[in-house]
Amino acid sequence: MARFDIRLEDLEIRMFLGIHEAEQRDRQRVLVSVEMRIDVPDADGTLHVDYDRVADHIREYAGTHIATQEELTSRIHAFVTGLDHVVEARVSSRKPDIYPDCRSVGVTFSG
């Protein structure tokens, strides 16, 4: 049995994310990262996770409104952990444009 970690880092989408009036009115840049741990019967490379499906799922949130980063990351996590062979996942979101003196504000959901 082999174990692999697959990463998709800082996929940028623009969406309405937040509870404040400006966050509901104006699209924001949101960076989403996913780490997936998969178990493979052997390390010959014949088994894989289609990370296009993960990226496409995240892109579907573009233009939508979600109240919190916690809700966004938990939804993406549920999708990812439903994929075959994924045994663990961590999903992070970051809003890089919230404060001028801060690189980003983010949340990580794991399980």
Protein backbone atom coordinates (compact mmCIF):
# COMPACT_ATOMS: atom_id res chain seq x y z
CA MET A 1 0.00 0.00 0.00
CA ALA A 2 1.33 3.41 -0.95
CA ARG A 3 0.14 6.75 0.33
CA PHE A 4 0.31 9.95 -1.69
CA ASP A 5 -0.45 13.57 -0.84
CA ILE A 6 -1.84 15.64 -3.70
CA ARG A 7 -1.94 19.44 -3.49
CA LEU A 8 -3.85 22.04 -5.43
CA GLU A 9 -2.60 25.43 -4.22
CA ASP A 10 -4.15 28.89 -4.36
CA LEU A 11 -6.76 28.39 -7.07
CA GLU A 12 -8.18 31.89 -7.46
CA ILE A 13 -11.90 32.49 -7.80
CA ARG A 14 -13.95 35.67 -7.49
CA MET A 15 -17.07 35.33 -5.43
CA PHE A 16 -19.25 37.03 -2.84
CA LEU A 17 -17.94 35.70 0.47
CA GLY A 18 -18.91 37.24 3.77
CA ILE A 19 -21.60 38.66 5.98
CA HIS A 20 -20.80 42.37 5.66
CA GLU A 21 -22.67 44.53 3.15
CA ALA A 22 -19.59 45.23 1.01
CA GLU A 23 -18.77 41.50 0.90
CA GLN A 24 -22.26 40.76 -0.37
CA ARG A 25 -22.16 43.59 -2.92
CA ASP A 26 -18.64 43.24 -4.36
CA ARG A 27 -16.91 40.11 -5.62
CA GLN A 28 -13.70 39.29 -3.79
CA ARG A 29 -10.63 37.32 -4.68
CA VAL A 30 -10.61 34.03 -2.80
CA LEU A 31 -7.67 31.62 -2.92
CA VAL A 32 -8.54 27.97 -2.32
CA SER A 33 -6.04 25.20 -1.57
CA VAL A 34 -6.75 21.50 -1.18
CA GLU A 35 -4.51 18.75 0.18
CA MET A 36 -5.73 15.20 -0.41
CA ARG A 37 -4.21 12.05 1.01
CA ILE A 38 -4.91 8.95 -1.03
CA ASP A 39 -4.19 5.29 -0.43
CA VAL A 40 -3.08 3.32 -3.47
CA PRO A 41 -2.89 -0.50 -3.47
CA ASP A 42 0.61 -0.30 -4.98
CA ALA A 43 2.92 2.47 -6.12
CA ASP A 44 2.93 1.58 -9.82
CA GLY A 45 1.03 4.75 -10.69
CA THR A 46 -2.04 3.09 -12.17
CA LEU A 47 -4.42 4.68 -9.69
CA HIS A 48 -4.94 8.42 -9.60
CA VAL A 49 -7.24 11.15 -8.38
CA ASP A 50 -8.60 13.41 -11.11
CA TYR A 51 -7.70 16.81 -9.69
CA ASP A 52 -9.43 18.45 -12.67
CA ARG A 53 -12.67 17.45 -10.94
CA VAL A 54 -11.52 19.18 -7.76
CA ALA A 55 -10.48 22.36 -9.60
CA ASP A 56 -13.74 22.40 -11.59
CA HIS A 57 -15.77 21.97 -8.41
CA ILE A 58 -14.01 24.94 -6.80
CA ARG A 59 -14.51 27.07 -9.93
CA GLU A 60 -18.26 26.46 -9.68
CA TYR A 61 -18.29 28.77 -6.64
CA ALA A 62 -17.19 31.75 -8.76
CA GLY A 63 -19.91 34.40 -8.73
CA THR A 64 -21.89 32.73 -5.95
CA HIS A 65 -22.51 34.01 -2.42
CA ILE A 66 -21.57 32.08 0.71
CA ALA A 67 -21.72 33.65 4.16
CA THR A 68 -18.45 32.36 5.63
CA GLN A 69 -15.13 30.80 4.73
CA GLU A 70 -16.00 28.01 7.16
CA GLU A 71 -19.04 27.10 5.07
CA LEU A 72 -17.07 27.29 1.81
CA THR A 73 -14.24 25.06 3.03
CA SER A 74 -16.60 22.51 4.57
CA ARG A 75 -18.57 22.21 1.31
CA ILE A 76 -15.41 21.68 -0.73
CA HIS A 77 -14.11 19.21 1.87
CA ALA A 78 -17.31 17.15 1.60
CA PHE A 79 -16.86 16.94 -2.18
CA VAL A 80 -13.18 16.00 -1.98
CA THR A 81 -13.60 13.31 0.68
CA GLY A 82 -16.36 11.78 -1.44
CA LEU A 83 -13.85 10.97 -4.20
CA ASP A 84 -12.55 7.42 -4.49
CA HIS A 85 -9.38 6.63 -2.53
CA VAL A 86 -9.26 9.97 -0.67
CA VAL A 87 -8.71 9.10 3.00
CA GLU A 88 -8.03 12.58 4.38
CA ALA A 89 -8.24 16.14 3.17
CA ARG A 90 -7.50 19.70 4.22
CA VAL A 91 -9.20 22.60 2.50
CA SER A 92 -8.07 26.19 3.01
CA SER A 93 -9.50 29.45 1.78
CA ARG A 94 -7.86 32.84 2.00
CA LYS A 95 -9.14 36.33 1.27
CA PRO A 96 -6.01 38.31 0.31
CA ASP A 97 -7.58 41.76 -0.03
CA ILE A 98 -9.25 42.24 3.37
CA TYR A 99 -6.64 44.36 5.15
CA PRO A 100 -3.88 46.42 3.52
CA ASP A 101 -1.40 45.46 6.24
CA CYS A 102 -2.17 41.72 6.21
CA ARG A 103 -1.31 39.17 3.51
CA SER A 104 -4.63 37.32 3.90
CA VAL A 105 -7.38 36.15 6.23
CA GLY A 106 -8.06 32.44 5.99
CA VAL A 107 -9.65 29.28 7.31
CA THR A 108 -8.62 25.62 7.10
CA PHE A 109 -11.04 22.70 7.40
CA SER A 110 -9.56 19.25 7.91
CA GLY A 111 -10.72 15.76 8.60
